[in-house]
Amino acid sequence: MNRYKIMVIEDDPVIQGELRALLEGNGYVTTGAEDFSSVIETVKKEKPHLILLDIKLPGESGFTLCSKIRIFSDAPIIFVTGCSTDMDELNSIMLGGDAFITKPYNSAILLAKTASLLRRAYPAQQAGQMAYGGAVLHLEASVLEYEGRRADLTRNEQKILYFLFKNAGNICSRPDITEFLWDNQLYVDDNALSVNINRIREKLAAIGLKNFIRTKHRQGYTL
């Protein structure tokens, strides 16, 4: 199962906490905006799959942030706001928002709209696939495909790629990958991960994906 990351941009700490608890209770990973003077930088860093956005915020309004986010991201944006006029809803649509939900929000409707937008935005993941940089990881077939060429993967190779795809754009530390792969890293030779990574790289290079997995010195790996 793919775990989607949802970013909650809400300045009321109580409401932000409620929204994140609701989403996490339904299987999502959440992150929030803490410094409202650098929201755009946070969005670029976190790379959320979907964003919940208030309109009235410290500094720039949700409308301004939405238009700026649309310059570099197609992630669905749901406005969750106390602003409830027709003009507010129209502006949200014109600036690139995908849905408009007024406070106090209905939890069931919010979750249904979130799931619907994620299905529409990420159809490959719904079909047992993960995609990044032109490469498609077929989870059920244990195959990585790139420009029509395919590489068969072992169970461990697929698990490593799954972890990297799930955290694409972020650095994955060796201990985190090892723990995910073998459950308990204390009983695993550290060299085992290097061996698996090298085998994956050889298979990727054979289908035209050179330097797809990058090493970050003393930090880990990233796509």
N, C-alpha and C. Protein backbone atom coordinates (compact mmCIF):
# COMPACT_ATOMS: atom_id res chain seq x y z
N MET A 1 0.84 -1.21 0.00
CA MET A 1 0.00 0.00 0.00
C MET A 1 0.87 1.24 0.00
N ASN A 2 0.53 2.20 -0.86
CA ASN A 2 1.27 3.45 -0.91
C ASN A 2 0.75 4.39 0.16
N ARG A 3 1.66 4.96 0.91
CA ARG A 3 1.26 5.91 1.95
C ARG A 3 1.48 7.33 1.44
N TYR A 4 0.39 8.03 1.23
CA TYR A 4 0.47 9.38 0.70
C TYR A 4 0.82 10.37 1.81
N LYS A 5 1.61 11.37 1.43
CA LYS A 5 1.97 12.44 2.36
C LYS A 5 1.06 13.64 2.11
N ILE A 6 0.41 14.12 3.17
CA ILE A 6 -0.49 15.26 3.07
C ILE A 6 0.04 16.38 3.96
N MET A 7 0.15 17.57 3.39
CA MET A 7 0.64 18.73 4.14
C MET A 7 -0.54 19.60 4.56
N VAL A 8 -0.59 19.94 5.85
CA VAL A 8 -1.66 20.77 6.38
C VAL A 8 -1.11 22.17 6.64
N ILE A 9 -1.59 23.13 5.88
CA ILE A 9 -1.15 24.52 6.04
C ILE A 9 -2.27 25.27 6.74
N GLU A 10 -2.19 25.30 8.04
CA GLU A 10 -3.24 25.85 8.92
C GLU A 10 -2.55 26.47 10.13
N ASP A 11 -2.87 27.75 10.42
CA ASP A 11 -2.16 28.45 11.49
C ASP A 11 -2.75 28.21 12.88
N ASP A 12 -3.97 27.69 12.95
CA ASP A 12 -4.56 27.36 14.25
C ASP A 12 -4.01 26.00 14.68
N PRO A 13 -3.19 25.95 15.73
CA PRO A 13 -2.57 24.68 16.11
C PRO A 13 -3.57 23.60 16.50
N VAL A 14 -4.70 23.99 17.05
CA VAL A 14 -5.71 23.00 17.43
C VAL A 14 -6.32 22.35 16.19
N ILE A 15 -6.70 23.19 15.23
CA ILE A 15 -7.30 22.67 14.01
C ILE A 15 -6.28 21.85 13.22
N GLN A 16 -5.03 22.35 13.15
CA GLN A 16 -4.00 21.60 12.44
C GLN A 16 -3.82 20.22 13.09
N GLY A 17 -3.81 20.19 14.42
CA GLY A 17 -3.66 18.92 15.12
C GLY A 17 -4.82 17.98 14.85
N GLU A 18 -6.03 18.53 14.82
CA GLU A 18 -7.22 17.71 14.56
C GLU A 18 -7.17 17.12 13.15
N LEU A 19 -6.80 17.95 12.18
CA LEU A 19 -6.74 17.48 10.80
C LEU A 19 -5.67 16.40 10.63
N ARG A 20 -4.52 16.61 11.22
CA ARG A 20 -3.45 15.63 11.09
C ARG A 20 -3.79 14.32 11.78
N ALA A 21 -4.44 14.41 12.93
CA ALA A 21 -4.85 13.20 13.64
C ALA A 21 -5.88 12.42 12.82
N LEU A 22 -6.82 13.15 12.20
CA LEU A 22 -7.83 12.51 11.36
C LEU A 22 -7.19 11.78 10.19
N LEU A 23 -6.27 12.46 9.52
CA LEU A 23 -5.62 11.88 8.35
C LEU A 23 -4.73 10.70 8.71
N GLU A 24 -3.95 10.86 9.77
CA GLU A 24 -3.05 9.78 10.19
C GLU A 24 -3.84 8.56 10.66
N GLY A 25 -5.00 8.82 11.25
CA GLY A 25 -5.85 7.71 11.68
C GLY A 25 -6.44 6.95 10.52
N ASN A 26 -6.36 7.54 9.32
CA ASN A 26 -6.87 6.88 8.12
C ASN A 26 -5.75 6.47 7.16
N GLY A 27 -4.54 6.34 7.71
CA GLY A 27 -3.45 5.75 6.95
C GLY A 27 -2.55 6.71 6.19
N TYR A 28 -2.76 8.01 6.33
CA TYR A 28 -1.92 8.97 5.61
C TYR A 28 -0.74 9.40 6.47
N VAL A 29 0.31 9.85 5.81
CA VAL A 29 1.44 10.50 6.48
C VAL A 29 1.18 12.00 6.40
N THR A 30 1.40 12.73 7.49
CA THR A 30 1.13 14.17 7.45
C THR A 30 2.35 14.98 7.83
N THR A 31 2.35 16.20 7.36
CA THR A 31 3.35 17.19 7.75
C THR A 31 2.63 18.52 7.82
N GLY A 32 3.19 19.47 8.54
CA GLY A 32 2.51 20.75 8.70
C GLY A 32 3.45 21.92 8.49
N ALA A 33 2.87 23.08 8.27
CA ALA A 33 3.65 24.31 8.14
C ALA A 33 3.81 24.91 9.53
N GLU A 34 5.04 25.13 9.93
CA GLU A 34 5.31 25.72 11.24
C GLU A 34 5.73 27.17 11.11
N ASP A 35 6.55 27.46 10.11
CA ASP A 35 7.04 28.81 9.87
C ASP A 35 6.30 29.38 8.66
N PHE A 36 5.39 30.30 8.90
CA PHE A 36 4.56 30.81 7.80
C PHE A 36 5.26 31.86 6.95
N SER A 37 6.52 32.13 7.25
CA SER A 37 7.30 33.03 6.40
C SER A 37 8.04 32.25 5.33
N SER A 38 7.99 30.91 5.40
CA SER A 38 8.72 30.09 4.42
C SER A 38 7.89 28.88 4.00
N VAL A 39 6.61 29.09 3.77
CA VAL A 39 5.72 27.98 3.42
C VAL A 39 6.12 27.36 2.09
N ILE A 40 6.42 28.19 1.11
CA ILE A 40 6.76 27.67 -0.22
C ILE A 40 8.01 26.79 -0.15
N GLU A 41 9.00 27.23 0.60
CA GLU A 41 10.22 26.43 0.76
C GLU A 41 9.91 25.09 1.41
N THR A 42 8.99 25.11 2.39
CA THR A 42 8.61 23.86 3.06
C THR A 42 7.89 22.91 2.12
N VAL A 43 7.02 23.45 1.28
CA VAL A 43 6.31 22.61 0.31
C VAL A 43 7.30 21.96 -0.65
N LYS A 44 8.26 22.74 -1.13
CA LYS A 44 9.26 22.20 -2.05
C LYS A 44 10.09 21.11 -1.39
N LYS A 45 10.38 21.29 -0.12
CA LYS A 45 11.19 20.30 0.61
C LYS A 45 10.40 19.03 0.89
N GLU A 46 9.16 19.17 1.34
CA GLU A 46 8.36 18.03 1.75
C GLU A 46 7.76 17.24 0.59
N LYS A 47 7.50 17.93 -0.52
CA LYS A 47 6.90 17.30 -1.71
C LYS A 47 5.64 16.49 -1.36
N PRO A 48 4.64 17.12 -0.78
CA PRO A 48 3.42 16.39 -0.40
C PRO A 48 2.64 15.93 -1.63
N HIS A 49 1.89 14.84 -1.45
CA HIS A 49 1.03 14.37 -2.53
C HIS A 49 -0.25 15.20 -2.62
N LEU A 50 -0.64 15.81 -1.51
CA LEU A 50 -1.86 16.63 -1.46
C LEU A 50 -1.69 17.66 -0.35
N ILE A 51 -2.35 18.81 -0.50
CA ILE A 51 -2.21 19.91 0.46
C ILE A 51 -3.58 20.36 0.93
N LEU A 52 -3.73 20.51 2.25
CA LEU A 52 -4.91 21.16 2.83
C LEU A 52 -4.49 22.58 3.17
N LEU A 53 -5.21 23.56 2.68
CA LEU A 53 -4.76 24.96 2.75
C LEU A 53 -5.86 25.88 3.26
N ASP A 54 -5.53 26.64 4.30
CA ASP A 54 -6.45 27.67 4.80
C ASP A 54 -6.26 28.93 3.95
N ILE A 55 -7.20 29.84 4.01
CA ILE A 55 -7.08 31.10 3.26
C ILE A 55 -6.44 32.19 4.10
N LYS A 56 -6.97 32.39 5.32
CA LYS A 56 -6.45 33.44 6.19
C LYS A 56 -5.28 32.89 7.00
N LEU A 57 -4.09 33.33 6.62
CA LEU A 57 -2.86 32.87 7.26
C LEU A 57 -1.96 34.05 7.59
N PRO A 58 -1.05 33.87 8.53
CA PRO A 58 -0.07 34.94 8.78
C PRO A 58 0.78 35.15 7.54
N GLY A 59 1.06 36.37 7.20
CA GLY A 59 1.85 36.63 6.00
C GLY A 59 1.00 36.51 4.75
N GLU A 60 1.44 35.69 3.81
CA GLU A 60 0.71 35.54 2.55
C GLU A 60 -0.56 34.73 2.74
N SER A 61 -1.60 35.10 1.99
CA SER A 61 -2.87 34.40 2.09
C SER A 61 -2.79 33.04 1.40
N GLY A 62 -3.77 32.20 1.69
CA GLY A 62 -3.84 30.91 1.03
C GLY A 62 -3.97 31.04 -0.47
N PHE A 63 -4.66 32.07 -0.93
CA PHE A 63 -4.81 32.29 -2.36
C PHE A 63 -3.44 32.54 -3.01
N THR A 64 -2.65 33.40 -2.38
CA THR A 64 -1.31 33.70 -2.91
C THR A 64 -0.44 32.46 -2.91
N LEU A 65 -0.50 31.71 -1.81
CA LEU A 65 0.31 30.50 -1.72
C LEU A 65 -0.10 29.48 -2.78
N CYS A 66 -1.40 29.35 -3.00
CA CYS A 66 -1.89 28.41 -4.00
C CYS A 66 -1.32 28.74 -5.38
N SER A 67 -1.37 30.00 -5.75
CA SER A 67 -0.87 30.39 -7.07
C SER A 67 0.63 30.15 -7.19
N LYS A 68 1.36 30.34 -6.11
CA LYS A 68 2.81 30.10 -6.13
C LYS A 68 3.12 28.61 -6.19
N ILE A 69 2.36 27.80 -5.46
CA ILE A 69 2.57 26.36 -5.47
C ILE A 69 2.32 25.79 -6.86
N ARG A 70 1.32 26.35 -7.54
CA ARG A 70 0.98 25.84 -8.87
C ARG A 70 2.10 26.06 -9.90
N ILE A 71 3.04 26.92 -9.60
CA ILE A 71 4.16 27.14 -10.51
C ILE A 71 5.05 25.91 -10.59
N PHE A 72 5.17 25.17 -9.48
CA PHE A 72 6.11 24.04 -9.45
C PHE A 72 5.48 22.71 -9.05
N SER A 73 4.22 22.69 -8.70
CA SER A 73 3.61 21.43 -8.24
C SER A 73 2.18 21.27 -8.75
N ASP A 74 1.84 20.02 -9.11
CA ASP A 74 0.48 19.69 -9.52
C ASP A 74 -0.27 18.95 -8.42
N ALA A 75 0.30 18.90 -7.21
CA ALA A 75 -0.36 18.20 -6.11
C ALA A 75 -1.75 18.80 -5.87
N PRO A 76 -2.75 17.97 -5.68
CA PRO A 76 -4.10 18.49 -5.41
C PRO A 76 -4.10 19.40 -4.17
N ILE A 77 -4.88 20.47 -4.24
CA ILE A 77 -4.99 21.42 -3.13
C ILE A 77 -6.45 21.52 -2.72
N ILE A 78 -6.72 21.24 -1.45
CA ILE A 78 -8.06 21.39 -0.90
C ILE A 78 -8.06 22.58 0.05
N PHE A 79 -8.86 23.58 -0.25
CA PHE A 79 -9.01 24.69 0.67
C PHE A 79 -9.95 24.26 1.80
N VAL A 80 -9.47 24.36 3.03
CA VAL A 80 -10.29 24.08 4.22
C VAL A 80 -10.30 25.37 5.02
N THR A 81 -11.40 26.09 4.98
CA THR A 81 -11.37 27.48 5.44
C THR A 81 -12.69 27.93 6.05
N GLY A 82 -12.59 28.96 6.86
CA GLY A 82 -13.78 29.59 7.43
C GLY A 82 -14.38 30.60 6.48
N CYS A 83 -13.67 30.95 5.40
CA CYS A 83 -14.19 31.88 4.39
C CYS A 83 -15.18 31.12 3.52
N SER A 84 -16.39 31.60 3.45
CA SER A 84 -17.44 30.79 2.82
C SER A 84 -18.25 31.48 1.74
N THR A 85 -17.76 32.61 1.22
CA THR A 85 -18.53 33.29 0.19
C THR A 85 -18.31 32.62 -1.17
N ASP A 86 -19.23 32.89 -2.09
CA ASP A 86 -19.10 32.36 -3.45
C ASP A 86 -17.82 32.87 -4.11
N MET A 87 -17.44 34.11 -3.81
CA MET A 87 -16.24 34.68 -4.40
C MET A 87 -14.99 33.97 -3.88
N ASP A 88 -15.01 33.59 -2.60
CA ASP A 88 -13.87 32.83 -2.05
C ASP A 88 -13.71 31.50 -2.79
N GLU A 89 -14.83 30.82 -2.99
CA GLU A 89 -14.77 29.53 -3.67
C GLU A 89 -14.35 29.70 -5.13
N LEU A 90 -14.84 30.73 -5.78
CA LEU A 90 -14.47 31.00 -7.17
C LEU A 90 -12.98 31.30 -7.27
N ASN A 91 -12.48 32.13 -6.37
CA ASN A 91 -11.05 32.46 -6.39
C ASN A 91 -10.19 31.21 -6.19
N SER A 92 -10.64 30.33 -5.31
CA SER A 92 -9.86 29.11 -5.06
C SER A 92 -9.75 28.27 -6.32
N ILE A 93 -10.82 28.20 -7.08
CA ILE A 93 -10.82 27.42 -8.33
C ILE A 93 -9.95 28.10 -9.38
N MET A 94 -10.11 29.42 -9.52
CA MET A 94 -9.37 30.17 -10.54
C MET A 94 -7.86 30.13 -10.30
N LEU A 95 -7.46 30.01 -9.04
CA LEU A 95 -6.03 30.03 -8.71
C LEU A 95 -5.41 28.64 -8.68
N GLY A 96 -6.21 27.62 -8.95
CA GLY A 96 -5.63 26.28 -9.05
C GLY A 96 -6.04 25.31 -7.97
N GLY A 97 -6.97 25.69 -7.10
CA GLY A 97 -7.45 24.77 -6.08
C GLY A 97 -8.32 23.68 -6.69
N ASP A 98 -8.37 22.52 -6.03
CA ASP A 98 -9.13 21.39 -6.55
C ASP A 98 -10.44 21.16 -5.81
N ALA A 99 -10.53 21.66 -4.59
CA ALA A 99 -11.76 21.48 -3.80
C ALA A 99 -11.83 22.58 -2.76
N PHE A 100 -13.04 22.83 -2.28
CA PHE A 100 -13.28 23.92 -1.33
C PHE A 100 -14.22 23.40 -0.24
N ILE A 101 -13.71 23.31 0.98
CA ILE A 101 -14.49 22.79 2.11
C ILE A 101 -14.49 23.84 3.21
N THR A 102 -15.67 24.19 3.70
CA THR A 102 -15.77 25.23 4.71
C THR A 102 -15.75 24.63 6.12
N LYS A 103 -15.23 25.43 7.04
CA LYS A 103 -15.25 25.05 8.46
C LYS A 103 -16.58 25.50 9.07
N PRO A 104 -17.09 24.75 10.04
CA PRO A 104 -16.56 23.48 10.54
C PRO A 104 -16.75 22.39 9.50
N TYR A 105 -15.68 21.66 9.20
CA TYR A 105 -15.71 20.67 8.13
C TYR A 105 -16.33 19.36 8.60
N ASN A 106 -16.89 18.64 7.64
CA ASN A 106 -17.42 17.31 7.90
C ASN A 106 -16.29 16.31 7.63
N SER A 107 -15.89 15.54 8.63
CA SER A 107 -14.73 14.64 8.51
C SER A 107 -14.91 13.63 7.38
N ALA A 108 -16.10 13.06 7.26
CA ALA A 108 -16.34 12.05 6.24
C ALA A 108 -16.21 12.64 4.84
N ILE A 109 -16.74 13.85 4.65
CA ILE A 109 -16.65 14.50 3.34
C ILE A 109 -15.20 14.85 3.02
N LEU A 110 -14.46 15.36 4.02
CA LEU A 110 -13.06 15.70 3.81
C LEU A 110 -12.25 14.47 3.40
N LEU A 111 -12.46 13.35 4.09
CA LEU A 111 -11.73 12.13 3.77
C LEU A 111 -12.11 11.59 2.39
N ALA A 112 -13.39 11.68 2.06
CA ALA A 112 -13.85 11.20 0.75
C ALA A 112 -13.26 12.03 -0.38
N LYS A 113 -13.24 13.34 -0.19
CA LYS A 113 -12.68 14.23 -1.21
C LYS A 113 -11.18 14.01 -1.34
N THR A 114 -10.50 13.81 -0.21
CA THR A 114 -9.06 13.55 -0.24
C THR A 114 -8.76 12.28 -1.02
N ALA A 115 -9.46 11.21 -0.71
CA ALA A 115 -9.24 9.93 -1.40
C ALA A 115 -9.54 10.05 -2.90
N SER A 116 -10.60 10.77 -3.23
CA SER A 116 -10.99 10.93 -4.63
C SER A 116 -9.92 11.69 -5.42
N LEU A 117 -9.41 12.76 -4.85
CA LEU A 117 -8.38 13.55 -5.54
C LEU A 117 -7.08 12.78 -5.68
N LEU A 118 -6.73 11.99 -4.68
CA LEU A 118 -5.50 11.19 -4.75
C LEU A 118 -5.63 10.11 -5.82
N ARG A 119 -6.78 9.47 -5.93
CA ARG A 119 -6.99 8.46 -6.97
C ARG A 119 -6.86 9.08 -8.35
N ARG A 120 -7.39 10.28 -8.50
CA ARG A 120 -7.34 10.94 -9.80
C ARG A 120 -5.94 11.42 -10.14
N ALA A 121 -5.22 11.90 -9.13
CA ALA A 121 -3.89 12.47 -9.37
C ALA A 121 -2.80 11.43 -9.54
N TYR A 122 -2.98 10.25 -8.90
CA TYR A 122 -1.92 9.24 -8.92
C TYR A 122 -2.50 7.88 -9.33
N PRO A 123 -2.98 7.77 -10.57
CA PRO A 123 -3.59 6.51 -11.01
C PRO A 123 -2.62 5.34 -11.01
N ALA A 124 -1.34 5.58 -11.29
CA ALA A 124 -0.37 4.48 -11.34
C ALA A 124 -0.23 3.82 -9.99
N GLN A 125 -0.22 4.63 -8.92
CA GLN A 125 -0.08 4.06 -7.59
C GLN A 125 -1.30 3.25 -7.20
N GLN A 126 -2.46 3.64 -7.71
CA GLN A 126 -3.67 2.89 -7.38
C GLN A 126 -3.66 1.51 -8.04
N ALA A 127 -2.89 1.36 -9.11
CA ALA A 127 -2.87 0.11 -9.85
C ALA A 127 -1.70 -0.78 -9.45
N GLY A 128 -1.18 -0.57 -8.25
CA GLY A 128 -0.06 -1.39 -7.80
C GLY A 128 1.25 -0.99 -8.43
N GLN A 129 1.35 0.28 -8.80
CA GLN A 129 2.57 0.78 -9.42
C GLN A 129 3.02 2.04 -8.72
N MET A 130 4.31 2.33 -8.83
CA MET A 130 4.86 3.59 -8.35
C MET A 130 5.72 4.15 -9.47
N ALA A 131 5.61 5.43 -9.71
CA ALA A 131 6.34 6.04 -10.82
C ALA A 131 7.20 7.21 -10.34
N TYR A 132 8.39 7.31 -10.93
CA TYR A 132 9.27 8.44 -10.62
C TYR A 132 10.34 8.55 -11.71
N GLY A 133 10.53 9.77 -12.20
CA GLY A 133 11.60 10.02 -13.18
C GLY A 133 11.49 9.19 -14.44
N GLY A 134 10.26 8.85 -14.84
CA GLY A 134 10.08 8.05 -16.04
C GLY A 134 10.13 6.55 -15.80
N ALA A 135 10.53 6.15 -14.60
CA ALA A 135 10.59 4.73 -14.26
C ALA A 135 9.32 4.31 -13.54
N VAL A 136 8.88 3.09 -13.78
CA VAL A 136 7.66 2.56 -13.14
C VAL A 136 8.02 1.27 -12.41
N LEU A 137 7.71 1.24 -11.13
CA LEU A 137 7.94 0.05 -10.32
C LEU A 137 6.63 -0.73 -10.24
N HIS A 138 6.60 -1.93 -10.82
CA HIS A 138 5.42 -2.79 -10.79
C HIS A 138 5.53 -3.69 -9.57
N LEU A 139 4.72 -3.41 -8.55
CA LEU A 139 4.88 -4.08 -7.27
C LEU A 139 4.49 -5.56 -7.32
N GLU A 140 3.41 -5.87 -7.99
CA GLU A 140 2.96 -7.26 -8.02
C GLU A 140 3.88 -8.14 -8.85
N ALA A 141 4.46 -7.58 -9.92
CA ALA A 141 5.31 -8.37 -10.81
C ALA A 141 6.78 -8.32 -10.42
N SER A 142 7.14 -7.47 -9.45
CA SER A 142 8.54 -7.29 -9.04
C SER A 142 9.41 -6.94 -10.25
N VAL A 143 8.96 -5.91 -10.97
CA VAL A 143 9.65 -5.47 -12.19
C VAL A 143 9.77 -3.96 -12.19
N LEU A 144 10.91 -3.46 -12.66
CA LEU A 144 11.08 -2.02 -12.88
C LEU A 144 11.13 -1.79 -14.38
N GLU A 145 10.31 -0.86 -14.86
CA GLU A 145 10.21 -0.60 -16.29
C GLU A 145 10.66 0.82 -16.61
N TYR A 146 11.41 0.94 -17.71
CA TYR A 146 11.86 2.27 -18.14
C TYR A 146 11.94 2.29 -19.67
N GLU A 147 11.14 3.15 -20.28
CA GLU A 147 11.11 3.32 -21.74
C GLU A 147 10.98 1.98 -22.47
N GLY A 148 10.08 1.15 -21.97
CA GLY A 148 9.80 -0.11 -22.62
C GLY A 148 10.70 -1.26 -22.24
N ARG A 149 11.77 -0.98 -21.50
CA ARG A 149 12.68 -2.03 -21.07
C ARG A 149 12.41 -2.37 -19.61
N ARG A 150 12.58 -3.65 -19.27
CA ARG A 150 12.19 -4.11 -17.94
C ARG A 150 13.33 -4.85 -17.26
N ALA A 151 13.40 -4.68 -15.94
CA ALA A 151 14.38 -5.38 -15.12
C ALA A 151 13.65 -6.16 -14.04
N ASP A 152 13.91 -7.47 -13.99
CA ASP A 152 13.32 -8.30 -12.94
C ASP A 152 14.05 -8.05 -11.62
N LEU A 153 13.30 -8.03 -10.53
CA LEU A 153 13.86 -7.71 -9.23
C LEU A 153 13.66 -8.85 -8.24
N THR A 154 14.64 -9.04 -7.36
CA THR A 154 14.45 -9.96 -6.25
C THR A 154 13.56 -9.28 -5.21
N ARG A 155 13.15 -10.04 -4.21
CA ARG A 155 12.28 -9.48 -3.17
C ARG A 155 12.97 -8.32 -2.46
N ASN A 156 14.23 -8.48 -2.08
CA ASN A 156 14.93 -7.41 -1.38
C ASN A 156 15.16 -6.21 -2.27
N GLU A 157 15.46 -6.45 -3.54
CA GLU A 157 15.67 -5.34 -4.47
C GLU A 157 14.39 -4.53 -4.63
N GLN A 158 13.26 -5.22 -4.71
CA GLN A 158 11.98 -4.50 -4.83
C GLN A 158 11.69 -3.71 -3.56
N LYS A 159 11.96 -4.28 -2.40
CA LYS A 159 11.69 -3.58 -1.15
C LYS A 159 12.54 -2.31 -1.03
N ILE A 160 13.80 -2.40 -1.47
CA ILE A 160 14.66 -1.22 -1.43
C ILE A 160 14.12 -0.14 -2.35
N LEU A 161 13.75 -0.53 -3.57
CA LEU A 161 13.23 0.44 -4.52
C LEU A 161 11.89 1.01 -4.06
N TYR A 162 11.06 0.17 -3.46
CA TYR A 162 9.80 0.65 -2.92
C TYR A 162 10.05 1.75 -1.89
N PHE A 163 11.00 1.52 -1.00
CA PHE A 163 11.31 2.49 0.05
C PHE A 163 11.84 3.79 -0.56
N LEU A 164 12.69 3.67 -1.59
CA LEU A 164 13.24 4.86 -2.23
C LEU A 164 12.17 5.62 -3.02
N PHE A 165 11.30 4.88 -3.72
CA PHE A 165 10.22 5.52 -4.46
C PHE A 165 9.27 6.24 -3.51
N LYS A 166 8.95 5.60 -2.39
CA LYS A 166 8.02 6.18 -1.43
C LYS A 166 8.56 7.48 -0.86
N ASN A 167 9.89 7.56 -0.75
CA ASN A 167 10.53 8.75 -0.20
C ASN A 167 11.29 9.53 -1.27
N ALA A 168 10.83 9.43 -2.51
CA ALA A 168 11.52 10.06 -3.64
C ALA A 168 11.77 11.54 -3.39
N GLY A 169 13.00 11.96 -3.66
CA GLY A 169 13.37 13.36 -3.46
C GLY A 169 13.98 13.63 -2.11
N ASN A 170 13.81 12.70 -1.18
CA ASN A 170 14.38 12.83 0.16
C ASN A 170 15.53 11.83 0.32
N ILE A 171 16.44 12.13 1.22
CA ILE A 171 17.55 11.23 1.49
C ILE A 171 17.10 10.14 2.44
N CYS A 172 17.32 8.89 2.06
CA CYS A 172 16.99 7.74 2.90
C CYS A 172 18.27 7.23 3.54
N SER A 173 18.34 7.24 4.84
CA SER A 173 19.56 6.81 5.52
C SER A 173 19.72 5.29 5.41
N ARG A 174 20.97 4.84 5.49
CA ARG A 174 21.22 3.41 5.44
C ARG A 174 20.53 2.67 6.59
N PRO A 175 20.58 3.19 7.82
CA PRO A 175 19.87 2.48 8.90
C PRO A 175 18.37 2.36 8.66
N ASP A 176 17.75 3.41 8.11
CA ASP A 176 16.30 3.35 7.86
C ASP A 176 15.97 2.30 6.80
N ILE A 177 16.78 2.25 5.73
CA ILE A 177 16.54 1.26 4.68
C ILE A 177 16.75 -0.14 5.22
N THR A 178 17.83 -0.30 5.99
CA THR A 178 18.14 -1.62 6.56
C THR A 178 17.04 -2.09 7.48
N GLU A 179 16.54 -1.20 8.31
CA GLU A 179 15.47 -1.57 9.24
C GLU A 179 14.21 -1.97 8.49
N PHE A 180 13.89 -1.21 7.42
CA PHE A 180 12.72 -1.54 6.61
C PHE A 180 12.89 -2.88 5.90
N LEU A 181 14.12 -3.15 5.47
CA LEU A 181 14.40 -4.35 4.68
C LEU A 181 14.45 -5.62 5.52
N TRP A 182 15.12 -5.52 6.67
CA TRP A 182 15.33 -6.71 7.47
C TRP A 182 14.71 -6.66 8.86
N ASP A 183 13.93 -5.60 9.13
CA ASP A 183 13.21 -5.44 10.40
C ASP A 183 14.13 -5.11 11.57
N ASN A 184 15.25 -5.79 11.69
CA ASN A 184 16.16 -5.50 12.81
C ASN A 184 17.57 -5.38 12.28
N GLN A 185 18.06 -4.13 12.17
CA GLN A 185 19.35 -3.87 11.57
C GLN A 185 20.51 -4.34 12.44
N LEU A 186 20.27 -4.64 13.72
CA LEU A 186 21.36 -5.02 14.61
C LEU A 186 21.99 -6.35 14.20
N TYR A 187 21.23 -7.19 13.49
CA TYR A 187 21.72 -8.52 13.16
C TYR A 187 22.05 -8.66 11.68
N VAL A 188 22.26 -7.54 11.01
CA VAL A 188 22.54 -7.58 9.58
C VAL A 188 23.89 -6.93 9.30
N ASP A 189 24.69 -7.58 8.49
CA ASP A 189 25.97 -7.03 8.06
C ASP A 189 25.69 -5.80 7.20
N ASP A 190 26.29 -4.68 7.53
CA ASP A 190 26.06 -3.43 6.80
C ASP A 190 26.41 -3.58 5.32
N ASN A 191 27.32 -4.47 5.03
CA ASN A 191 27.73 -4.67 3.65
C ASN A 191 26.61 -5.26 2.79
N ALA A 192 25.64 -5.93 3.44
CA ALA A 192 24.55 -6.55 2.69
C ALA A 192 23.74 -5.51 1.93
N LEU A 193 23.52 -4.34 2.52
CA LEU A 193 22.78 -3.29 1.83
C LEU A 193 23.56 -2.80 0.62
N SER A 194 24.86 -2.60 0.78
CA SER A 194 25.70 -2.14 -0.33
C SER A 194 25.65 -3.13 -1.49
N VAL A 195 25.68 -4.42 -1.18
CA VAL A 195 25.63 -5.45 -2.21
C VAL A 195 24.31 -5.35 -2.99
N ASN A 196 23.21 -5.20 -2.26
CA ASN A 196 21.90 -5.08 -2.91
C ASN A 196 21.79 -3.81 -3.76
N ILE A 197 22.28 -2.70 -3.23
CA ILE A 197 22.23 -1.44 -3.98
C ILE A 197 23.04 -1.56 -5.27
N ASN A 198 24.20 -2.17 -5.20
CA ASN A 198 25.05 -2.33 -6.39
C ASN A 198 24.37 -3.21 -7.44
N ARG A 199 23.70 -4.27 -6.99
CA ARG A 199 23.00 -5.13 -7.94
C ARG A 199 21.84 -4.40 -8.60
N ILE A 200 21.14 -3.60 -7.82
CA ILE A 200 20.05 -2.80 -8.38
C ILE A 200 20.58 -1.83 -9.42
N ARG A 201 21.68 -1.17 -9.11
CA ARG A 201 22.26 -0.20 -10.04
C ARG A 201 22.68 -0.86 -11.35
N GLU A 202 23.21 -2.06 -11.27
CA GLU A 202 23.59 -2.78 -12.48
C GLU A 202 22.36 -3.09 -13.33
N LYS A 203 21.29 -3.50 -12.69
CA LYS A 203 20.07 -3.80 -13.43
C LYS A 203 19.46 -2.53 -14.04
N LEU A 204 19.52 -1.43 -13.29
CA LEU A 204 18.98 -0.17 -13.81
C LEU A 204 19.80 0.33 -14.98
N ALA A 205 21.11 0.23 -14.88
CA ALA A 205 21.98 0.68 -15.97
C ALA A 205 21.71 -0.12 -17.24
N ALA A 206 21.38 -1.40 -17.08
CA ALA A 206 21.13 -2.26 -18.23
C ALA A 206 19.89 -1.86 -19.01
N ILE A 207 18.96 -1.15 -18.35
CA ILE A 207 17.75 -0.69 -19.06
C ILE A 207 17.79 0.82 -19.31
N GLY A 208 18.96 1.42 -19.12
CA GLY A 208 19.14 2.83 -19.46
C GLY A 208 18.98 3.81 -18.32
N LEU A 209 18.90 3.31 -17.09
CA LEU A 209 18.73 4.19 -15.93
C LEU A 209 20.04 4.30 -15.15
N LYS A 210 20.93 5.10 -15.65
CA LYS A 210 22.20 5.32 -14.97
C LYS A 210 22.05 6.47 -13.97
N ASN A 211 22.69 6.32 -12.84
CA ASN A 211 22.66 7.35 -11.78
C ASN A 211 21.25 7.63 -11.27
N PHE A 212 20.37 6.64 -11.37
CA PHE A 212 19.01 6.81 -10.87
C PHE A 212 19.00 6.85 -9.34
N ILE A 213 19.82 5.99 -8.76
CA ILE A 213 20.00 6.01 -7.30
C ILE A 213 21.30 6.73 -7.00
N ARG A 214 21.19 7.83 -6.26
CA ARG A 214 22.39 8.62 -5.95
C ARG A 214 22.79 8.43 -4.49
N THR A 215 24.12 8.38 -4.29
CA THR A 215 24.65 8.25 -2.93
C THR A 215 24.94 9.63 -2.35
N LYS A 216 24.45 9.88 -1.16
CA LYS A 216 24.76 11.10 -0.44
C LYS A 216 25.77 10.74 0.66
N HIS A 217 26.97 11.26 0.53
CA HIS A 217 28.08 10.86 1.41
C HIS A 217 27.71 10.98 2.89
N ARG A 218 27.85 9.88 3.59
CA ARG A 218 27.58 9.78 5.02
C ARG A 218 26.12 10.08 5.38
N GLN A 219 25.24 10.08 4.41
CA GLN A 219 23.82 10.34 4.68
C GLN A 219 22.93 9.18 4.24
N GLY A 220 23.16 8.67 3.03
CA GLY A 220 22.32 7.60 2.55
C GLY A 220 22.13 7.65 1.06
N TYR A 221 20.92 7.33 0.59
CA TYR A 221 20.62 7.27 -0.83
C TYR A 221 19.37 8.08 -1.15
N THR A 222 19.29 8.51 -2.40
CA THR A 222 18.10 9.25 -2.84
C THR A 222 17.88 9.04 -4.33
N LEU A 223 16.65 9.16 -4.77
CA LEU A 223 16.33 9.13 -6.19
C LEU A 223 16.38 10.53 -6.74
